[in-house]
PDB file of N, CA and C in Angstrom:
ATOM      1  N   UNK A   1     111.279 110.696 110.523  1.00  0.00           N
ATOM      2  CA  UNK A   1     110.016 110.926 109.822  1.00  0.00           C
ATOM      3  C   UNK A   1     109.660 109.760 108.907  1.00  0.00           C
ATOM      4  N   UNK A   2     110.696 109.107 108.350  1.00  0.00           N
ATOM      5  CA  UNK A   2     110.422 108.009 107.418  1.00  0.00           C
ATOM      6  C   UNK A   2     109.635 106.890 108.093  1.00  0.00           C
ATOM      7  N   UNK A   3     110.023 106.558 109.335  1.00  0.00           N
ATOM      8  CA  UNK A   3     109.321 105.500 110.064  1.00  0.00           C
ATOM      9  C   UNK A   3     107.874 105.914 110.324  1.00  0.00           C
ATOM     10  N   UNK A   4     107.672 107.177 110.678  1.00  0.00           N
ATOM     11  CA  UNK A   4     106.307 107.653 110.922  1.00  0.00           C
ATOM     12  C   UNK A   4     105.456 107.534 109.654  1.00  0.00           C
ATOM     13  N   UNK A   5     106.049 107.845 108.508  1.00  0.00           N
ATOM     14  CA  UNK A   5     105.316 107.720 107.236  1.00  0.00           C
ATOM     15  C   UNK A   5     104.922 106.274 106.967  1.00  0.00           C
ATOM     16  N   UNK A   6     105.832 105.338 107.274  1.00  0.00           N
ATOM     17  CA  UNK A   6     105.518 103.914 107.092  1.00  0.00           C
ATOM     18  C   UNK A   6     104.379 103.493 108.016  1.00  0.00           C
ATOM     19  N   UNK A   7     104.394 104.013 109.233  1.00  0.00           N
ATOM     20  CA  UNK A   7     103.336 103.695 110.194  1.00  0.00           C
ATOM     21  C   UNK A   7     101.998 104.242 109.702  1.00  0.00           C
ATOM     22  N   UNK A   8     101.997 105.484 109.226  1.00  0.00           N
ATOM     23  CA  UNK A   8     100.763 106.086 108.702  1.00  0.00           C
ATOM     24  C   UNK A   8     100.258 105.279 107.508  1.00  0.00           C
ATOM     25  N   UNK A   9     101.166 104.860 106.629  1.00  0.00           N
ATOM     26  CA  UNK A   9     100.757 104.037 105.476  1.00  0.00           C
ATOM     27  C   UNK A   9     100.087 102.752 105.958  1.00  0.00           C
ATOM     28  N   UNK A  10     100.620 102.140 107.018  1.00  0.00           N
ATOM     29  CA  UNK A  10     100.022 100.923 107.555  1.00  0.00           C
ATOM     30  C   UNK A  10      98.654 101.227 108.172  1.00  0.00           C
ATOM     31  N   UNK A  11      98.558 102.341 108.898  1.00  0.00           N
ATOM     32  CA  UNK A  11      97.278 102.719 109.507  1.00  0.00           C
ATOM     33  C   UNK A  11      96.197 102.900 108.439  1.00  0.00           C
ATOM     34  N   UNK A  12      96.613 103.332 107.264  1.00  0.00           N
ATOM     35  CA  UNK A  12      95.651 103.555 106.174  1.00  0.00           C
ATOM     36  C   UNK A  12      95.151 102.246 105.557  1.00  0.00           C
ATOM     37  N   UNK A  13      95.654 101.103 106.044  1.00  0.00           N
ATOM     38  CA  UNK A  13      95.161  99.804 105.556  1.00  0.00           C
ATOM     39  C   UNK A  13      94.131  99.216 106.515  1.00  0.00           C
ATOM     40  N   UNK A  14      93.859  99.915 107.631  1.00  0.00           N
ATOM     41  CA  UNK A  14      92.941  99.414 108.652  1.00  0.00           C
ATOM     42  C   UNK A  14      91.633 100.195 108.550  1.00  0.00           C
ATOM     43  N   UNK A  15      90.565  99.481 108.264  1.00  0.00           N
ATOM     44  CA  UNK A  15      89.281 100.133 108.027  1.00  0.00           C
ATOM     45  C   UNK A  15      88.299  99.896 109.152  1.00  0.00           C
ATOM     46  N   UNK A  16      87.497 100.914 109.428  1.00  0.00           N
ATOM     47  CA  UNK A  16      86.376 100.762 110.343  1.00  0.00           C
ATOM     48  C   UNK A  16      85.380  99.867 109.611  1.00  0.00           C
ATOM     49  N   UNK A  17      84.898  98.787 110.235  1.00  0.00           N
ATOM     50  CA  UNK A  17      84.024  97.847 109.528  1.00  0.00           C
ATOM     51  C   UNK A  17      82.664  98.439 109.137  1.00  0.00           C
ATOM     52  N   UNK A  18      82.259  99.511 109.798  1.00  0.00           N
ATOM     53  CA  UNK A  18      80.953 100.092 109.499  1.00  0.00           C
ATOM     54  C   UNK A  18      81.039 101.240 108.505  1.00  0.00           C
ATOM     55  N   UNK A  19      82.238 101.741 108.278  1.00  0.00           N
ATOM     56  CA  UNK A  19      82.433 102.905 107.414  1.00  0.00           C
ATOM     57  C   UNK A  19      83.565 102.570 106.444  1.00  0.00           C
ATOM     58  N   UNK A  20      83.360 102.773 105.144  1.00  0.00           N
ATOM     59  CA  UNK A  20      84.398 102.370 104.172  1.00  0.00           C
ATOM     60  C   UNK A  20      85.577 103.347 104.100  1.00  0.00           C
ATOM     61  N   UNK A  21      86.093 103.740 105.248  1.00  0.00           N
ATOM     62  CA  UNK A  21      87.202 104.690 105.309  1.00  0.00           C
ATOM     63  C   UNK A  21      88.192 104.175 106.355  1.00  0.00           C
ATOM     64  N   UNK A  22      89.487 104.383 106.101  1.00  0.00           N
ATOM     65  CA  UNK A  22      90.481 103.871 107.040  1.00  0.00           C
ATOM     66  C   UNK A  22      90.551 104.717 108.319  1.00  0.00           C
ATOM     67  N   UNK A  23      91.111 104.115 109.371  1.00  0.00           N
ATOM     68  CA  UNK A  23      91.128 104.748 110.695  1.00  0.00           C
ATOM     69  C   UNK A  23      91.899 106.068 110.703  1.00  0.00           C
ATOM     70  N   UNK A  24      92.898 106.199 109.824  1.00  0.00           N
ATOM     71  CA  UNK A  24      93.684 107.429 109.787  1.00  0.00           C
ATOM     72  C   UNK A  24      92.871 108.566 109.184  1.00  0.00           C
ATOM     73  N   UNK A  25      92.263 108.310 108.029  1.00  0.00           N
ATOM     74  CA  UNK A  25      91.469 109.344 107.361  1.00  0.00           C
ATOM     75  C   UNK A  25      90.215 109.694 108.164  1.00  0.00           C
ATOM     76  N   UNK A  26      89.712 108.732 108.951  1.00  0.00           N
ATOM     77  CA  UNK A  26      88.553 109.002 109.804  1.00  0.00           C
ATOM     78  C   UNK A  26      88.901 109.938 110.959  1.00  0.00           C
ATOM     79  N   UNK A  27      90.184 110.098 111.231  1.00  0.00           N
ATOM     80  CA  UNK A  27      90.592 110.957 112.334  1.00  0.00           C
ATOM     81  C   UNK A  27      90.583 110.244 113.673  1.00  0.00           C
ATOM     82  N   UNK A  28      90.612 108.906 113.634  1.00  0.00           N
ATOM     83  CA  UNK A  28      90.589 108.137 114.886  1.00  0.00           C
ATOM     84  C   UNK A  28      91.961 108.072 115.553  1.00  0.00           C
ATOM     85  N   UNK A  29      93.008 108.368 114.790  1.00  0.00           N
ATOM     86  CA  UNK A  29      94.361 108.342 115.341  1.00  0.00           C
ATOM     87  C   UNK A  29      94.695 109.742 115.841  1.00  0.00           C
ATOM     88  N   UNK A  30      94.837 109.893 117.145  1.00  0.00           N
ATOM     89  CA  UNK A  30      95.114 111.210 117.718  1.00  0.00           C
ATOM     90  C   UNK A  30      96.604 111.513 117.768  1.00  0.00           C
ATOM     91  N   UNK A  31      97.409 110.498 118.066  1.00  0.00           N
ATOM     92  CA  UNK A  31      98.842 110.750 118.183  1.00  0.00           C
ATOM     93  C   UNK A  31      99.634 109.471 117.947  1.00  0.00           C
ATOM     94  N   UNK A  32     100.768 109.610 117.263  1.00  0.00           N
ATOM     95  CA  UNK A  32     101.704 108.502 117.068  1.00  0.00           C
ATOM     96  C   UNK A  32     103.022 108.957 117.680  1.00  0.00           C
ATOM     97  N   UNK A  33     103.457 108.258 118.727  1.00  0.00           N
ATOM     98  CA  UNK A  33     104.715 108.607 119.383  1.00  0.00           C
ATOM     99  C   UNK A  33     105.711 107.479 119.114  1.00  0.00           C
ATOM    100  N   UNK A  34     106.911 107.858 118.725  1.00  0.00           N
ATOM    101  CA  UNK A  34     107.959 106.869 118.447  1.00  0.00           C
ATOM    102  C   UNK A  34     109.132 107.177 119.379  1.00  0.00           C
ATOM    103  N   UNK A  35     109.473 106.205 120.222  1.00  0.00           N
ATOM    104  CA  UNK A  35     110.592 106.408 121.152  1.00  0.00           C
ATOM    105  C   UNK A  35     111.908 106.211 120.402  1.00  0.00           C
ATOM    106  N   UNK A  36     113.030 106.659 120.995  1.00  0.00           N
ATOM    107  CA  UNK A  36     114.333 106.435 120.362  1.00  0.00           C
ATOM    108  C   UNK A  36     114.622 104.939 120.147  1.00  0.00           C
ATOM    109  N   UNK A  37     113.952 104.076 120.932  1.00  0.00           N
ATOM    110  CA  UNK A  37     114.143 102.627 120.797  1.00  0.00           C
ATOM    111  C   UNK A  37     113.202 102.020 119.749  1.00  0.00           C
ATOM    112  N   UNK A  38     112.516 102.872 118.990  1.00  0.00           N
ATOM    113  CA  UNK A  38     111.578 102.442 117.936  1.00  0.00           C
ATOM    114  C   UNK A  38     110.334 101.754 118.510  1.00  0.00           C
ATOM    115  N   UNK A  39     109.989 102.089 119.757  1.00  0.00           N
ATOM    116  CA  UNK A  39     108.754 101.578 120.342  1.00  0.00           C
ATOM    117  C   UNK A  39     107.669 102.616 120.044  1.00  0.00           C
ATOM    118  N   UNK A  40     106.575 102.157 119.499  1.00  0.00           N
ATOM    119  CA  UNK A  40     105.515 103.054 119.055  1.00  0.00           C
ATOM    120  C   UNK A  40     104.357 103.022 120.044  1.00  0.00           C
ATOM    121  N   UNK A  41     103.849 104.198 120.350  1.00  0.00           N
ATOM    122  CA  UNK A  41     102.659 104.315 121.187  1.00  0.00           C
ATOM    123  C   UNK A  41     101.660 105.162 120.415  1.00  0.00           C
ATOM    124  N   UNK A  42     100.451 104.649 120.289  1.00  0.00           N
ATOM    125  CA  UNK A  42      99.424 105.334 119.512  1.00  0.00           C
ATOM    126  C   UNK A  42      98.230 105.636 120.404  1.00  0.00           C
ATOM    127  N   UNK A  43      97.816 106.903 120.390  1.00  0.00           N
ATOM    128  CA  UNK A  43      96.570 107.286 121.053  1.00  0.00           C
ATOM    129  C   UNK A  43      95.508 107.316 119.973  1.00  0.00           C
ATOM    130  N   UNK A  44      94.478 106.517 120.152  1.00  0.00           N
ATOM    131  CA  UNK A  44      93.399 106.505 119.163  1.00  0.00           C
ATOM    132  C   UNK A  44      92.064 106.456 119.880  1.00  0.00           C
ATOM    133  N   UNK A  45      91.032 106.788 119.147  1.00  0.00           N
ATOM    134  CA  UNK A  45      89.693 106.725 119.690  1.00  0.00           C
ATOM    135  C   UNK A  45      88.857 105.830 118.792  1.00  0.00           C
ATOM    136  N   UNK A  46      87.619 105.658 119.164  1.00  0.00           N
ATOM    137  CA  UNK A  46      86.666 104.896 118.354  1.00  0.00           C
ATOM    138  C   UNK A  46      85.516 105.837 118.024  1.00  0.00           C
ATOM    139  N   UNK A  47      84.761 105.509 116.987  1.00  0.00           N
ATOM    140  CA  UNK A  47      83.664 106.393 116.608  1.00  0.00           C
ATOM    141  C   UNK A  47      82.630 106.488 117.716  1.00  0.00           C
ATOM    142  N   UNK A  48      82.535 105.455 118.561  1.00  0.00           N
ATOM    143  CA  UNK A  48      81.678 105.529 119.744  1.00  0.00           C
ATOM    144  C   UNK A  48      82.198 104.544 120.784  1.00  0.00           C
ATOM    145  N   UNK A  49      81.934 104.809 122.062  1.00  0.00           N
ATOM    146  CA  UNK A  49      82.398 103.888 123.113  1.00  0.00           C
ATOM    147  C   UNK A  49      81.783 102.494 122.966  1.00  0.00           C
ATOM    148  N   UNK A  50      80.650 102.397 122.294  1.00  0.00           N
ATOM    149  CA  UNK A  50      79.986 101.101 122.099  1.00  0.00           C
ATOM    150  C   UNK A  50      80.346 100.462 120.767  1.00  0.00           C
ATOM    151  N   UNK A  51      81.396 100.952 120.157  1.00  0.00           N
ATOM    152  CA  UNK A  51      81.835 100.452 118.856  1.00  0.00           C
ATOM    153  C   UNK A  51      81.988  98.923 118.907  1.00  0.00           C
ATOM    154  N   UNK A  52      81.393  98.213 117.927  1.00  0.00           N
ATOM    155  CA  UNK A  52      81.465  96.743 117.954  1.00  0.00           C
ATOM    156  C   UNK A  52      82.885  96.184 117.826  1.00  0.00           C
ATOM    157  N   UNK A  53      83.826  96.996 117.360  1.00  0.00           N
ATOM    158  CA  UNK A  53      85.205  96.506 117.218  1.00  0.00           C
ATOM    159  C   UNK A  53      86.122  97.062 118.309  1.00  0.00           C
ATOM    160  N   UNK A  54      85.527  97.499 119.421  1.00  0.00           N
ATOM    161  CA  UNK A  54      86.323  98.083 120.513  1.00  0.00           C
ATOM    162  C   UNK A  54      87.403  97.122 121.006  1.00  0.00           C
ATOM    163  N   UNK A  55      87.122  95.816 120.931  1.00  0.00           N
ATOM    164  CA  UNK A  55      88.107  94.827 121.375  1.00  0.00           C
ATOM    165  C   UNK A  55      89.125  94.510 120.286  1.00  0.00           C
ATOM    166  N   UNK A  56      88.654  94.364 119.058  1.00  0.00           N
ATOM    167  CA  UNK A  56      89.519  93.859 117.997  1.00  0.00           C
ATOM    168  C   UNK A  56      90.320  94.928 117.264  1.00  0.00           C
ATOM    169  N   UNK A  57      89.760  96.112 117.065  1.00  0.00           N
ATOM    170  CA  UNK A  57      90.474  97.120 116.278  1.00  0.00           C
ATOM    171  C   UNK A  57      91.785  97.566 116.914  1.00  0.00           C
ATOM    172  N   UNK A  58      91.828  97.873 118.227  1.00  0.00           N
ATOM    173  CA  UNK A  58      93.129  98.266 118.804  1.00  0.00           C
ATOM    174  C   UNK A  58      94.174  97.167 118.649  1.00  0.00           C
ATOM    175  N   UNK A  59      93.760  95.923 118.787  1.00  0.00           N
ATOM    176  CA  UNK A  59      94.685  94.795 118.619  1.00  0.00           C
ATOM    177  C   UNK A  59      95.195  94.729 117.179  1.00  0.00           C
ATOM    178  N   UNK A  60      94.291  94.937 116.226  1.00  0.00           N
ATOM    179  CA  UNK A  60      94.694  94.941 114.811  1.00  0.00           C
ATOM    180  C   UNK A  60      95.694  96.064 114.543  1.00  0.00           C
ATOM    181  N   UNK A  61      95.443  97.252 115.101  1.00  0.00           N
ATOM    182  CA  UNK A  61      96.366  98.377 114.936  1.00  0.00           C
ATOM    183  C   UNK A  61      97.731  98.016 115.527  1.00  0.00           C
ATOM    184  N   UNK A  62      97.740  97.464 116.747  1.00  0.00           N
ATOM    185  CA  UNK A  62      99.006  97.083 117.384  1.00  0.00           C
ATOM    186  C   UNK A  62      99.777  96.078 116.539  1.00  0.00           C
ATOM    187  N   UNK A  63      99.075  95.039 116.082  1.00  0.00           N
ATOM    188  CA  UNK A  63      99.751  93.986 115.314  1.00  0.00           C
ATOM    189  C   UNK A  63     100.286  94.504 113.984  1.00  0.00           C
ATOM    190  N   UNK A  64      99.479  95.273 113.272  1.00  0.00           N
ATOM    191  CA  UNK A  64      99.925  95.759 111.961  1.00  0.00           C
ATOM    192  C   UNK A  64     101.062  96.763 112.089  1.00  0.00           C
ATOM    193  N   UNK A  65     100.959  97.679 113.045  1.00  0.00           N
ATOM    194  CA  UNK A  65     102.036  98.663 113.218  1.00  0.00           C
ATOM    195  C   UNK A  65     103.310  97.974 113.703  1.00  0.00           C
ATOM    196  N   UNK A  66     103.173  96.991 114.589  1.00  0.00           N
ATOM    197  CA  UNK A  66     104.351  96.258 115.073  1.00  0.00           C
ATOM    198  C   UNK A  66     105.046  95.510 113.938  1.00  0.00           C
ATOM    199  N   UNK A  67     104.289  95.187 112.881  1.00  0.00           N
ATOM    200  CA  UNK A  67     104.879  94.458 111.748  1.00  0.00           C
ATOM    201  C   UNK A  67     105.630  95.376 110.779  1.00  0.00           C
ATOM    202  N   UNK A  68     105.516  96.683 110.957  1.00  0.00           N
ATOM    203  CA  UNK A  68     106.221  97.633 110.080  1.00  0.00           C
ATOM    204  C   UNK A  68     107.716  97.502 110.324  1.00  0.00           C
ATOM    205  N   UNK A  69     108.477  97.444 109.235  1.00  0.00           N
ATOM    206  CA  UNK A  69     109.927  97.311 109.345  1.00  0.00           C
ATOM    207  C   UNK A  69     110.502  98.485 110.140  1.00  0.00           C
ATOM    208  N   UNK A  70     111.284  98.174 111.157  1.00  0.00           N
ATOM    209  CA  UNK A  70     111.897  99.215 111.972  1.00  0.00           C
ATOM    210  C   UNK A  70     111.159  99.474 113.271  1.00  0.00           C
ATOM    211  N   UNK A  71     109.942  98.949 113.402  1.00  0.00           N
ATOM    212  CA  UNK A  71     109.180  99.136 114.636  1.00  0.00           C
ATOM    213  C   UNK A  71     109.469  97.965 115.576  1.00  0.00           C
ATOM    214  N   UNK A  72     109.865  98.282 116.798  1.00  0.00           N
ATOM    215  CA  UNK A  72     110.184  97.241 117.771  1.00  0.00           C
ATOM    216  C   UNK A  72     108.907  96.706 118.426  1.00  0.00           C
ATOM    217  N   UNK A  73     108.009  97.620 118.796  1.00  0.00           N
ATOM    218  CA  UNK A  73     106.753  97.217 119.426  1.00  0.00           C
ATOM    219  C   UNK A  73     105.731  98.325 119.249  1.00  0.00           C
ATOM    220  N   UNK A  74     104.467  98.000 119.497  1.00  0.00           N
ATOM    221  CA  UNK A  74     103.410  98.994 119.395  1.00  0.00           C
ATOM    222  C   UNK A  74     102.404  98.784 120.507  1.00  0.00           C
ATOM    223  N   UNK A  75     102.021  99.886 121.124  1.00  0.00           N
ATOM    224  CA  UNK A  75     100.995  99.861 122.169  1.00  0.00           C
ATOM    225  C   UNK A  75      99.938 100.889 121.783  1.00  0.00           C
ATOM    226  N   UNK A  76      98.670 100.489 121.848  1.00  0.00           N
ATOM    227  CA  UNK A  76      97.565 101.393 121.535  1.00  0.00           C
ATOM    228  C   UNK A  76      96.852 101.781 122.827  1.00  0.00           C
ATOM    229  N   UNK A  77      96.655 103.068 122.999  1.00  0.00           N
ATOM    230  CA  UNK A  77      95.864 103.580 124.117  1.00  0.00           C
ATOM    231  C   UNK A  77      94.542 104.080 123.535  1.00  0.00           C
ATOM    232  N   UNK A  78      93.442 103.537 124.016  1.00  0.00           N
ATOM    233  CA  UNK A  78      92.135 104.018 123.574  1.00  0.00           C
ATOM    234  C   UNK A  78      91.736 105.182 124.473  1.00  0.00           C
ATOM    235  N   UNK A  79      91.441 106.308 123.850  1.00  0.00           N
ATOM    236  CA  UNK A  79      91.042 107.499 124.595  1.00  0.00           C
ATOM    237  C   UNK A  79      89.715 108.017 124.044  1.00  0.00           C
ATOM    238  N   UNK A  80      88.928 108.639 124.892  1.00  0.00           N
ATOM    239  CA  UNK A  80      87.669 109.224 124.435  1.00  0.00           C
ATOM    240  C   UNK A  80      87.636 110.731 124.674  1.00  0.00           C
ATOM    241  N   UNK A  81      88.800 111.307 124.921  1.00  0.00           N
ATOM    242  CA  UNK A  81      88.935 112.752 125.054  1.00  0.00           C
ATOM    243  C   UNK A  81      89.978 113.196 124.052  1.00  0.00           C
ATOM    244  N   UNK A  82      89.739 114.107 123.175  1.00  0.00           N
ATOM    245  CA  UNK A  82      88.422 114.684 122.918  1.00  0.00           C
ATOM    246  C   UNK A  82      87.507 113.665 122.239  1.00  0.00           C
ATOM    247  N   UNK A  83      86.223 113.858 122.375  1.00  0.00           N
ATOM    248  CA  UNK A  83      85.246 112.972 121.751  1.00  0.00           C
ATOM    249  C   UNK A  83      85.342 113.110 120.237  1.00  0.00           C
ATOM    250  N   UNK A  84      85.353 111.977 119.549  1.00  0.00           N
ATOM    251  CA  UNK A  84      85.432 111.995 118.091  1.00  0.00           C
ATOM    252  C   UNK A  84      84.132 112.528 117.502  1.00  0.00           C
ATOM    253  N   UNK A  85      84.271 113.343 116.455  1.00  0.00           N
ATOM    254  CA  UNK A  85      83.087 113.680 115.654  1.00  0.00           C
ATOM    255  C   UNK A  85      83.513 113.815 114.205  1.00  0.00           C
ATOM    256  N   UNK A  86      82.546 113.930 113.336  1.00  0.00           N
ATOM    257  CA  UNK A  86      82.857 113.870 111.899  1.00  0.00           C
ATOM    258  C   UNK A  86      83.767 114.996 111.412  1.00  0.00           C
ATOM    259  N   UNK A  87      83.901 116.064 112.182  1.00  0.00           N
ATOM    260  CA  UNK A  87      84.795 117.153 111.786  1.00  0.00           C
ATOM    261  C   UNK A  87      86.266 116.749 111.857  1.00  0.00           C
ATOM    262  N   UNK A  88      86.557 115.632 112.512  1.00  0.00           N
ATOM    263  CA  UNK A  88      87.940 115.164 112.623  1.00  0.00           C
ATOM    264  C   UNK A  88      88.386 114.375 111.393  1.00  0.00           C
ATOM    265  N   UNK A  89      87.434 114.069 110.515  1.00  0.00           N
ATOM    266  CA  UNK A  89      87.779 113.308 109.310  1.00  0.00           C
ATOM    267  C   UNK A  89      88.534 114.191 108.323  1.00  0.00           C
ATOM    268  N   UNK A  90      89.360 113.542 107.505  1.00  0.00           N
ATOM    269  CA  UNK A  90      90.057 114.268 106.447  1.00  0.00           C
ATOM    270  C   UNK A  90      89.027 114.676 105.388  1.00  0.00           C
ATOM    271  N   UNK A  91      89.412 115.623 104.543  1.00  0.00           N
ATOM    272  CA  UNK A  91      88.534 116.043 103.447  1.00  0.00           C
ATOM    273  C   UNK A  91      88.177 114.837 102.576  1.00  0.00           C
ATOM    274  N   UNK A  92      89.177 113.971 102.361  1.00  0.00           N
ATOM    275  CA  UNK A  92      88.988 112.777 101.534  1.00  0.00           C
ATOM    276  C   UNK A  92      87.894 111.871 102.131  1.00  0.00           C
ATOM    277  N   UNK A  93      87.944 111.672 103.449  1.00  0.00           N
ATOM    278  CA  UNK A  93      86.950 110.828 104.112  1.00  0.00           C
ATOM    279  C   UNK A  93      85.566 111.461 104.040  1.00  0.00           C
ATOM    280  N   UNK A  94      85.497 112.768 104.258  1.00  0.00           N
ATOM    281  CA  UNK A  94      84.200 113.469 104.194  1.00  0.00           C
ATOM    282  C   UNK A  94      83.608 113.353 102.799  1.00  0.00           C
ATOM    283  N   UNK A  95      84.459 113.475 101.784  1.00  0.00           N
ATOM    284  CA  UNK A  95      84.000 113.347 100.403  1.00  0.00           C
ATOM    285  C   UNK A  95      83.469 111.941 100.140  1.00  0.00           C
ATOM    286  N   UNK A  96      84.226 110.950 100.605  1.00  0.00           N
ATOM    287  CA  UNK A  96      83.861 109.536 100.430  1.00  0.00           C
ATOM    288  C   UNK A  96      82.493 109.233 101.064  1.00  0.00           C
ATOM    289  N   UNK A  97      82.216 109.844 102.204  1.00  0.00           N
ATOM    290  CA  UNK A  97      80.991 109.563 102.933  1.00  0.00           C
ATOM    291  C   UNK A  97      79.860 110.550 102.621  1.00  0.00           C
ATOM    292  N   UNK A  98      80.128 111.463 101.686  1.00  0.00           N
ATOM    293  CA  UNK A  98      79.074 112.381 101.260  1.00  0.00           C
ATOM    294  C   UNK A  98      78.826 113.547 102.192  1.00  0.00           C
ATOM    295  N   UNK A  99      79.814 113.891 103.019  1.00  0.00           N
ATOM    296  CA  UNK A  99      79.644 115.045 103.919  1.00  0.00           C
ATOM    297  C   UNK A  99      80.046 116.352 103.236  1.00  0.00           C
ATOM    298  N   UNK A 100      80.618 116.279 102.043  1.00  0.00           N
ATOM    299  CA  UNK A 100      81.024 117.509 101.330  1.00  0.00           C
ATOM    300  C   UNK A 100      80.168 117.693 100.101  1.00  0.00           C
TER     301      UNK A 100
END
């Protein structure tokens, strides 16, 4: 669990460029899988398939998570099922964006 917490902390440093909220609080991270060999696989989505950072954000997530101490490698899978919507955001993100 400790490694997963470090990964989540790192994910919280990556922000969507159009929204002042990090990818974790936005609900863009669907799953973080850690193999016994410390290889990390992340299923994430984007706020829209036409997201301007569709190329760069997954790479940034891979690089930053791979830099976490104890992580051997990181692979990001971009998925659009289920479709992201604002209900997936944390309460904190909704508050920040004025949805509450």
